């Protein structure tokens, strides 16, 4: 019976190392001020087994999952007034802000975004719009074995956070009756909504973002000018139909919950991400900008060279013309001098002839006496 002794059993089958698991739970408990039991319960509800050790390198992931489970956002708040003001400036110009599937499960960036944008949403009375189709995609991802473990865990717990945010009035879950590919449905939805609303889409999908930029360009070409009544136009003179522009903009989330907007270069047609600015979606990229600068510089050099060559030609023609005029003046002077000499000779001859005639007349008169 000794082989069935309890102490001998555990001596032969030592328990797996849980000290490191305890360290993870203790660390999360101290940071979030939550009982260890609640943390253990939350992690186990996501299928995380404590028979295997919890690696400290995954501490940030486990902490994120627990925060998501219980709707704790305070650890992700950034106490930076400049950053908060920037978020406020980015979101204040939009009527609707849609969030795609990828930003929700891309590391902890959505946690940082919603934690810092919550005061802005409350002050501006706005809500993040998440489609029911997105919720279905999250449900499909949590059981997808082809995805990484981190993605599956986030897809499992994000709907809990989203529903909690919806109860707080920060998120609106909308069922638009989408059928088929989600990207095509979003473009179709924005084509309709974008005629009356300014829309921001947060997505990590570059191809979808490029389609959104093209959609904005089409909407602004075929914009419907709203009809104002006679009294609106009489008492509200700030209505200017020519200045009406609709914004349908696509941004992606980056680390810290910051937004970067996608632009398309009209020269090379490549897309790139940069700061969210109040401008059109087609903006020249930096490489094309420098190429244009070089072209302008080369063009200016060629123009300067051509201008110098033209100045040299003009100067040469001026010198040739001056030489021709000088030569003509010389010929003219020579001709006038010759004429004056001839005239003087004629006058002298005439005077001599007159004098001789007078002398002969006097002599003839004397001889006649």
Protein backbone atom coordinates (compact mmCIF):
# COMPACT_ATOMS: atom_id res chain seq x y z
CA UNK A 1 0.00 0.00 0.00
CA UNK A 2 3.01 2.24 0.31
CA UNK A 3 2.97 2.97 -3.37
CA UNK A 4 -0.48 4.53 -2.96
CA UNK A 5 0.77 6.77 -0.18
CA UNK A 6 -0.20 10.40 -0.88
CA UNK A 7 3.28 11.76 -0.16
CA UNK A 8 4.86 9.14 -2.41
CA UNK A 9 2.40 10.00 -5.21
CA UNK A 10 3.32 13.69 -5.22
CA UNK A 11 7.01 12.80 -4.90
CA UNK A 12 6.77 10.80 -8.09
CA UNK A 13 4.42 13.29 -9.82
CA UNK A 14 5.48 16.75 -8.76
CA UNK A 15 3.01 19.57 -9.47
CA UNK A 16 3.82 21.82 -12.39
CA UNK A 17 5.42 25.12 -11.54
CA UNK A 18 2.68 27.52 -10.56
CA UNK A 19 4.90 29.93 -8.74
CA UNK A 20 5.28 31.89 -11.93
CA UNK A 21 1.51 31.79 -12.46
CA UNK A 22 1.05 33.11 -8.94
CA UNK A 23 3.54 35.86 -9.73
CA UNK A 24 1.49 36.89 -12.79
CA UNK A 25 -1.78 36.91 -10.85
CA UNK A 26 -0.21 38.81 -7.93
CA UNK A 27 1.28 41.39 -10.30
CA UNK A 28 -2.04 41.98 -12.09
CA UNK A 29 -3.89 42.07 -8.76
CA UNK A 30 -1.55 44.72 -7.36
CA UNK A 31 -1.72 46.87 -10.52
CA UNK A 32 -5.51 46.71 -10.97
CA UNK A 33 -6.43 46.52 -7.27
CA UNK A 34 -8.57 43.43 -7.91
CA UNK A 35 -8.85 40.26 -5.83
CA UNK A 36 -6.72 37.42 -7.12
CA UNK A 37 -9.79 35.21 -7.24
CA UNK A 38 -11.49 37.49 -9.79
CA UNK A 39 -8.37 37.56 -11.94
CA UNK A 40 -8.03 33.78 -11.84
CA UNK A 41 -11.72 33.40 -12.61
CA UNK A 42 -11.48 35.78 -15.59
CA UNK A 43 -8.46 34.04 -17.09
CA UNK A 44 -9.96 30.58 -16.63
CA UNK A 45 -13.19 31.71 -18.31
CA UNK A 46 -11.11 32.42 -21.40
CA UNK A 47 -9.69 28.89 -21.42
CA UNK A 48 -6.31 29.80 -19.90
CA UNK A 49 -5.17 26.77 -17.92
CA UNK A 50 -3.26 27.23 -14.67
CA UNK A 51 -1.81 23.72 -14.95
CA UNK A 52 0.63 25.24 -17.43
CA UNK A 53 2.74 28.05 -16.10
CA UNK A 54 1.84 31.60 -17.01
CA UNK A 55 4.88 33.22 -18.49
CA UNK A 56 5.76 36.69 -17.21
CA UNK A 57 6.45 37.74 -20.80
CA UNK A 58 2.66 37.51 -21.40
CA UNK A 59 1.88 39.69 -18.39
CA UNK A 60 0.73 42.62 -20.58
CA UNK A 61 -1.62 40.31 -22.52
CA UNK A 62 -3.18 38.81 -19.37
CA UNK A 63 -3.56 42.25 -17.86
CA UNK A 64 -5.26 43.48 -21.04
CA UNK A 65 -7.64 40.49 -21.02
CA UNK A 66 -8.61 41.09 -17.38
CA UNK A 67 -9.16 44.82 -18.02
CA UNK A 68 -11.26 43.98 -21.06
CA UNK A 69 -13.29 41.43 -19.08
CA UNK A 70 -14.16 43.88 -16.30
CA UNK A 71 -14.20 47.08 -18.40
CA UNK A 72 -11.19 48.64 -16.65
CA UNK A 73 -9.67 51.39 -18.81
CA UNK A 74 -7.76 53.52 -16.31
CA UNK A 75 -4.35 51.76 -16.84
CA UNK A 76 -4.46 52.83 -20.49
CA UNK A 77 -5.21 56.51 -19.93
CA UNK A 78 -2.41 58.83 -21.08
CA UNK A 79 -2.14 61.94 -18.93
CA UNK A 80 -1.03 64.25 -21.69
CA UNK A 81 -3.15 67.31 -22.45
CA UNK A 82 -1.56 67.80 -25.87
CA UNK A 83 -2.44 64.23 -26.87
CA UNK A 84 -6.01 64.61 -25.61
CA UNK A 85 -6.42 67.89 -27.46
CA UNK A 86 -5.12 66.24 -30.63
CA UNK A 87 -7.68 63.42 -30.26
CA UNK A 88 -10.43 65.99 -29.73
CA UNK A 89 -9.39 67.90 -32.87
CA UNK A 90 -9.32 64.69 -34.89
CA UNK A 91 -12.80 63.49 -33.92
CA UNK A 92 -14.79 66.71 -33.57
CA UNK A 93 -15.35 67.12 -37.30
CA UNK A 94 -17.06 63.75 -37.83
CA UNK A 95 -20.70 62.81 -37.39
CA UNK A 96 -20.08 59.05 -37.29
CA UNK A 97 -16.97 57.05 -36.32
CA UNK A 98 -16.95 53.41 -37.44
CA UNK A 99 -14.53 50.79 -36.08
CA UNK A 100 -13.58 47.77 -38.19
CA UNK A 101 -12.68 44.31 -36.85
CA UNK A 102 -8.88 44.46 -37.14
CA UNK A 103 -8.30 47.50 -34.84
CA UNK A 104 -10.34 45.83 -32.10
CA UNK A 105 -7.96 42.85 -31.80
CA UNK A 106 -4.64 44.42 -32.82
CA UNK A 107 -2.63 44.26 -29.58
CA UNK A 108 -3.95 46.64 -26.89
CA UNK A 109 -4.24 49.68 -29.15
CA UNK A 110 -8.04 49.77 -29.04
CA UNK A 111 -7.90 49.73 -25.23
CA UNK A 112 -5.62 52.79 -25.32
CA UNK A 113 -7.82 54.49 -27.89
CA UNK A 114 -11.14 54.03 -26.09
CA UNK A 115 -9.60 54.90 -22.71
CA UNK A 116 -8.34 58.25 -23.97
CA UNK A 117 -11.19 59.06 -26.33
CA UNK A 118 -13.94 58.45 -23.74
CA UNK A 119 -13.94 62.08 -22.43
CA UNK A 120 -14.04 63.36 -26.01
CA UNK A 121 -17.01 61.15 -26.90
CA UNK A 122 -18.92 62.25 -23.82
CA UNK A 123 -18.16 65.95 -24.34
CA UNK A 124 -18.99 65.84 -28.07
CA UNK A 125 -21.97 63.52 -27.53
CA UNK A 126 -20.67 61.04 -30.05
CA UNK A 127 -20.58 57.24 -30.18
CA UNK A 128 -18.31 54.74 -31.87
CA UNK A 129 -20.29 52.69 -34.38
CA UNK A 130 -19.58 48.95 -34.54
CA UNK A 131 -21.54 46.82 -36.98
CA UNK A 132 -23.21 43.57 -35.98
CA UNK A 133 -21.19 42.04 -38.81
CA UNK A 134 -18.02 42.98 -36.91
CA UNK A 135 -19.33 41.24 -33.81
CA UNK A 136 -19.98 38.13 -35.91
CA UNK A 137 -16.43 38.26 -37.24
CA UNK A 138 -15.07 38.44 -33.69
CA UNK A 139 -17.17 35.40 -32.79
CA UNK A 140 -15.70 33.54 -35.75
CA UNK A 141 -12.12 34.52 -34.91
CA UNK A 142 -12.17 33.22 -31.34
CA UNK A 143 -12.50 29.63 -32.58
CA UNK A 144 -10.27 29.98 -35.65
CA UNK A 145 -7.28 27.68 -35.12
CA UNK A 146 -5.38 29.37 -37.97
CA UNK A 147 -5.11 32.60 -35.96
CA UNK A 148 -2.56 33.25 -33.21
CA UNK A 149 -3.46 32.55 -29.59
CA UNK A 150 -3.37 36.28 -28.75
CA UNK A 151 -5.85 37.07 -31.53
CA UNK A 152 -8.21 34.28 -30.44
CA UNK A 153 -8.14 35.46 -26.81
CA UNK A 154 -8.79 39.08 -27.77
CA UNK A 155 -11.60 38.06 -30.13
CA UNK A 156 -13.16 36.15 -27.25
CA UNK A 157 -13.11 39.01 -24.75
CA UNK A 158 -13.57 42.13 -26.92
CA UNK A 159 -17.36 41.66 -27.38
CA UNK A 160 -17.71 41.79 -23.58
CA UNK A 161 -15.94 45.17 -23.52
CA UNK A 162 -17.93 46.45 -26.50
CA UNK A 163 -21.25 45.59 -24.86
CA UNK A 164 -20.11 47.23 -21.64
CA UNK A 165 -19.17 50.38 -23.59
CA UNK A 166 -22.56 50.27 -25.33
CA UNK A 167 -24.25 50.32 -21.91
CA UNK A 168 -22.16 53.37 -21.01
CA UNK A 169 -23.32 55.13 -24.17
CA UNK A 170 -19.88 55.18 -25.81
CA UNK A 171 -20.54 52.56 -28.49
CA UNK A 172 -23.49 51.90 -30.76
CA UNK A 173 -23.88 48.39 -32.16
CA UNK A 174 -25.74 48.68 -35.47
CA UNK A 175 -27.32 45.93 -37.52
CA UNK A 176 -27.35 47.08 -41.14
CA UNK A 177 -28.44 43.73 -42.54
CA UNK A 178 -25.09 43.13 -44.22
CA UNK A 179 -24.78 40.11 -46.49
CA UNK A 180 -21.57 38.96 -48.14
CA UNK A 181 -18.16 40.62 -47.88
CA UNK A 182 -17.93 43.15 -45.05
CA UNK A 183 -15.70 45.57 -47.00
CA UNK A 184 -18.18 45.82 -49.87
CA UNK A 185 -20.98 46.41 -47.40
CA UNK A 186 -19.05 49.22 -45.68
CA UNK A 187 -18.37 50.97 -48.99
CA UNK A 188 -22.04 50.66 -49.95
CA UNK A 189 -23.07 51.99 -46.54
CA UNK A 190 -20.66 54.94 -46.73
CA UNK A 191 -21.85 55.74 -50.25
CA UNK A 192 -25.33 56.30 -48.83
CA UNK A 193 -24.44 57.82 -45.46
CA UNK A 194 -21.62 59.95 -46.83
CA UNK A 195 -24.04 62.18 -48.73
CA UNK A 196 -25.39 63.62 -45.46
CA UNK A 197 -22.72 62.75 -42.86
CA UNK A 198 -18.99 63.19 -42.31
CA UNK A 199 -17.66 59.69 -41.63
CA UNK A 200 -14.45 58.34 -40.11
CA UNK A 201 -13.54 54.66 -40.50
CA UNK A 202 -10.89 53.14 -38.24
CA UNK A 203 -9.41 50.10 -39.94
CA UNK A 204 -6.07 48.38 -40.44
CA UNK A 205 -7.09 47.22 -43.93
CA UNK A 206 -5.06 49.25 -46.43
CA UNK A 207 -7.07 48.17 -49.48
CA UNK A 208 -10.35 49.14 -47.82
CA UNK A 209 -8.85 52.51 -46.83
CA UNK A 210 -7.85 53.17 -50.45
CA UNK A 211 -11.41 52.44 -51.56
CA UNK A 212 -12.67 54.93 -48.97
CA UNK A 213 -10.37 57.64 -50.38
CA UNK A 214 -11.72 57.02 -53.89
CA UNK A 215 -15.27 57.11 -52.53
CA UNK A 216 -14.70 60.52 -50.93
CA UNK A 217 -13.44 61.88 -54.24
CA UNK A 218 -16.57 60.63 -56.03
CA UNK A 219 -18.89 61.97 -53.33
CA UNK A 220 -17.39 65.45 -53.53
CA UNK A 221 -17.76 65.47 -57.32
CA UNK A 222 -21.42 64.44 -57.18
CA UNK A 223 -22.39 66.19 -53.96
CA UNK A 224 -26.03 67.06 -53.38
CA UNK A 225 -26.37 70.71 -52.37
CA UNK A 226 -28.90 70.95 -49.53
CA UNK A 227 -31.99 73.07 -50.02
CA UNK A 228 -32.36 76.04 -47.68
CA UNK A 229 -35.63 77.82 -47.21
CA UNK A 230 -36.09 81.51 -47.95
CA UNK A 231 -35.93 82.42 -44.25
CA UNK A 232 -32.75 80.35 -43.75
CA UNK A 233 -31.04 82.19 -46.56
CA UNK A 234 -32.41 85.52 -45.35
CA UNK A 235 -31.35 85.24 -41.69
CA UNK A 236 -28.45 82.75 -41.90
CA UNK A 237 -26.10 84.23 -44.41
CA UNK A 238 -23.24 81.85 -43.57
CA UNK A 239 -24.64 79.21 -45.96
CA UNK A 240 -22.28 78.96 -48.92
CA UNK A 241 -23.14 76.12 -51.28
CA UNK A 242 -19.78 76.15 -53.04
CA UNK A 243 -17.91 75.37 -49.80
CA UNK A 244 -19.89 72.21 -48.92
CA UNK A 245 -17.58 69.20 -48.74
CA UNK A 246 -18.25 65.75 -47.35
CA UNK A 247 -15.55 63.82 -45.53
CA UNK A 248 -15.28 60.04 -45.70
CA UNK A 249 -11.88 59.31 -44.20
CA UNK A 250 -10.05 56.09 -43.29
CA UNK A 251 -7.51 55.92 -40.46
CA UNK A 252 -5.61 53.16 -38.75
CA UNK A 253 -4.75 52.71 -35.10
CA UNK A 254 -1.14 52.66 -34.00
CA UNK A 255 0.55 52.13 -30.66
CA UNK A 256 -0.87 54.28 -27.89
CA UNK A 257 -4.26 54.63 -29.58
CA UNK A 258 -3.12 57.29 -32.04
CA UNK A 259 -4.79 57.69 -35.44
CA UNK A 260 -2.96 57.89 -38.76
CA UNK A 261 -4.85 58.78 -41.92
CA UNK A 262 -4.38 57.06 -45.26
CA UNK A 263 -3.61 59.28 -48.26
CA UNK A 264 -3.18 58.41 -51.93
CA UNK A 265 -0.53 60.15 -54.00
CA UNK A 266 -2.08 61.46 -57.24
CA UNK A 267 1.30 61.24 -58.99
CA UNK A 268 2.44 57.66 -58.30
CA UNK A 269 -0.95 56.37 -56.99
CA UNK A 270 0.74 54.78 -53.96
CA UNK A 271 -0.96 55.00 -50.56
CA UNK A 272 0.74 56.04 -47.32
CA UNK A 273 -0.14 56.92 -43.73
CA UNK A 274 0.42 60.30 -42.13
CA UNK A 275 -1.15 62.62 -39.56
CA UNK A 276 -4.88 63.22 -39.77
CA UNK A 277 -5.22 66.63 -41.42
CA UNK A 278 -8.18 68.63 -42.74
CA UNK A 279 -7.59 68.15 -46.47
CA UNK A 280 -8.45 66.01 -49.49
CA UNK A 281 -7.55 62.32 -49.64
CA UNK A 282 -5.25 62.74 -52.64
CA UNK A 283 -2.04 64.34 -51.37
CA UNK A 284 1.37 64.02 -52.98
CA UNK A 285 3.77 61.70 -51.11
CA UNK A 286 7.18 62.71 -49.82
CA UNK A 287 9.17 60.86 -52.49
CA UNK A 288 7.15 62.44 -55.30
CA UNK A 289 7.42 65.78 -53.52
CA UNK A 290 11.21 65.57 -53.53
CA UNK A 291 11.15 64.40 -57.16
CA UNK A 292 9.03 67.41 -58.06
CA UNK A 293 11.41 69.65 -56.13
CA UNK A 294 14.34 68.23 -58.11
CA UNK A 295 12.40 68.64 -61.35
CA UNK A 296 11.53 72.22 -60.45
CA UNK A 297 15.15 72.90 -59.54
CA UNK A 298 16.35 71.38 -62.83
CA UNK A 299 13.65 73.25 -64.70
CA UNK A 300 14.71 76.50 -63.05
CA UNK A 301 18.35 75.83 -63.92
CA UNK A 302 17.40 75.19 -67.55
CA UNK A 303 15.21 78.30 -67.60
CA UNK A 304 18.05 80.39 -66.14
CA UNK A 305 20.43 78.95 -68.69
CA UNK A 306 18.00 79.64 -71.51
CA UNK A 307 17.40 83.13 -70.19
CA UNK A 308 21.15 83.79 -70.10
CA UNK A 309 21.49 82.47 -73.65
CA UNK A 310 18.64 84.75 -74.74
CA UNK A 311 20.31 87.69 -73.00
CA UNK A 312 23.59 86.90 -74.79
CA UNK A 313 21.75 86.69 -78.12
CA UNK A 314 19.94 89.96 -77.46
CA UNK A 315 23.20 91.64 -76.46
CA UNK A 316 24.88 90.31 -79.57
CA UNK A 317 22.05 91.58 -81.78
CA UNK A 318 22.20 94.91 -79.98
CA UNK A 319 25.94 95.18 -80.70
CA UNK A 320 25.40 94.22 -84.34
CA UNK A 321 22.64 96.79 -84.64
CA UNK A 322 24.84 99.41 -82.99
CA UNK A 323 27.64 98.62 -85.42
CA UNK A 324 25.23 98.93 -88.37
CA UNK A 325 23.89 102.24 -87.06
CA UNK A 326 27.42 103.49 -86.44
CA UNK A 327 28.43 102.52 -89.96
CA UNK A 328 25.39 104.24 -91.40
CA UNK A 329 26.14 107.31 -89.33
CA UNK A 330 29.70 107.35 -90.66
CA UNK A 331 28.50 107.01 -94.23
CA UNK A 332 25.93 109.69 -93.64
CA UNK A 333 28.52 112.00 -92.14
CA UNK A 334 30.90 111.35 -94.97
CA UNK A 335 28.17 112.02 -97.52
CA UNK A 336 27.09 115.25 -95.82
CA UNK A 337 30.72 116.47 -95.63
CA UNK A 338 31.23 115.79 -99.36
CA UNK A 339 28.04 117.61 -100.18
CA UNK A 340 29.06 120.58 -98.09
CA UNK A 341 32.48 120.72 -99.81
CA UNK A 342 30.88 120.60 -103.25
CA UNK A 343 28.46 123.31 -102.29
CA UNK A 344 31.28 125.44 -100.91
CA UNK A 345 33.26 124.97 -104.15
CA UNK A 346 30.25 126.04 -106.19
CA UNK A 347 29.77 129.10 -104.02
CA UNK A 348 33.45 130.05 -104.33
CA UNK A 349 33.34 129.56 -108.08
CA UNK A 350 30.23 131.70 -108.31
CA UNK A 351 31.85 134.43 -106.21
CA UNK A 352 35.00 134.32 -108.34
CA UNK A 353 32.89 134.50 -111.49
CA UNK A 354 30.94 137.46 -110.14
CA UNK A 355 34.12 139.25 -109.07
CA UNK A 356 35.73 138.68 -112.50
CA UNK A 357 32.57 139.89 -114.18
CA UNK A 358 32.59 143.06 -112.08
CA UNK A 359 36.29 143.66 -112.81
CA UNK A 360 35.76 143.17 -116.53
CA UNK A 361 32.79 145.49 -116.42
CA UNK A 362 34.84 148.18 -114.67
CA UNK A 363 37.71 147.78 -117.19
CA UNK A 364 35.31 147.97 -120.10
CA UNK A 365 33.78 151.14 -118.67
CA UNK A 366 37.21 152.71 -118.26
CA UNK A 367 38.24 151.88 -121.80
CA UNK A 368 35.09 153.39 -123.23
CA UNK A 369 35.91 156.74 -121.59
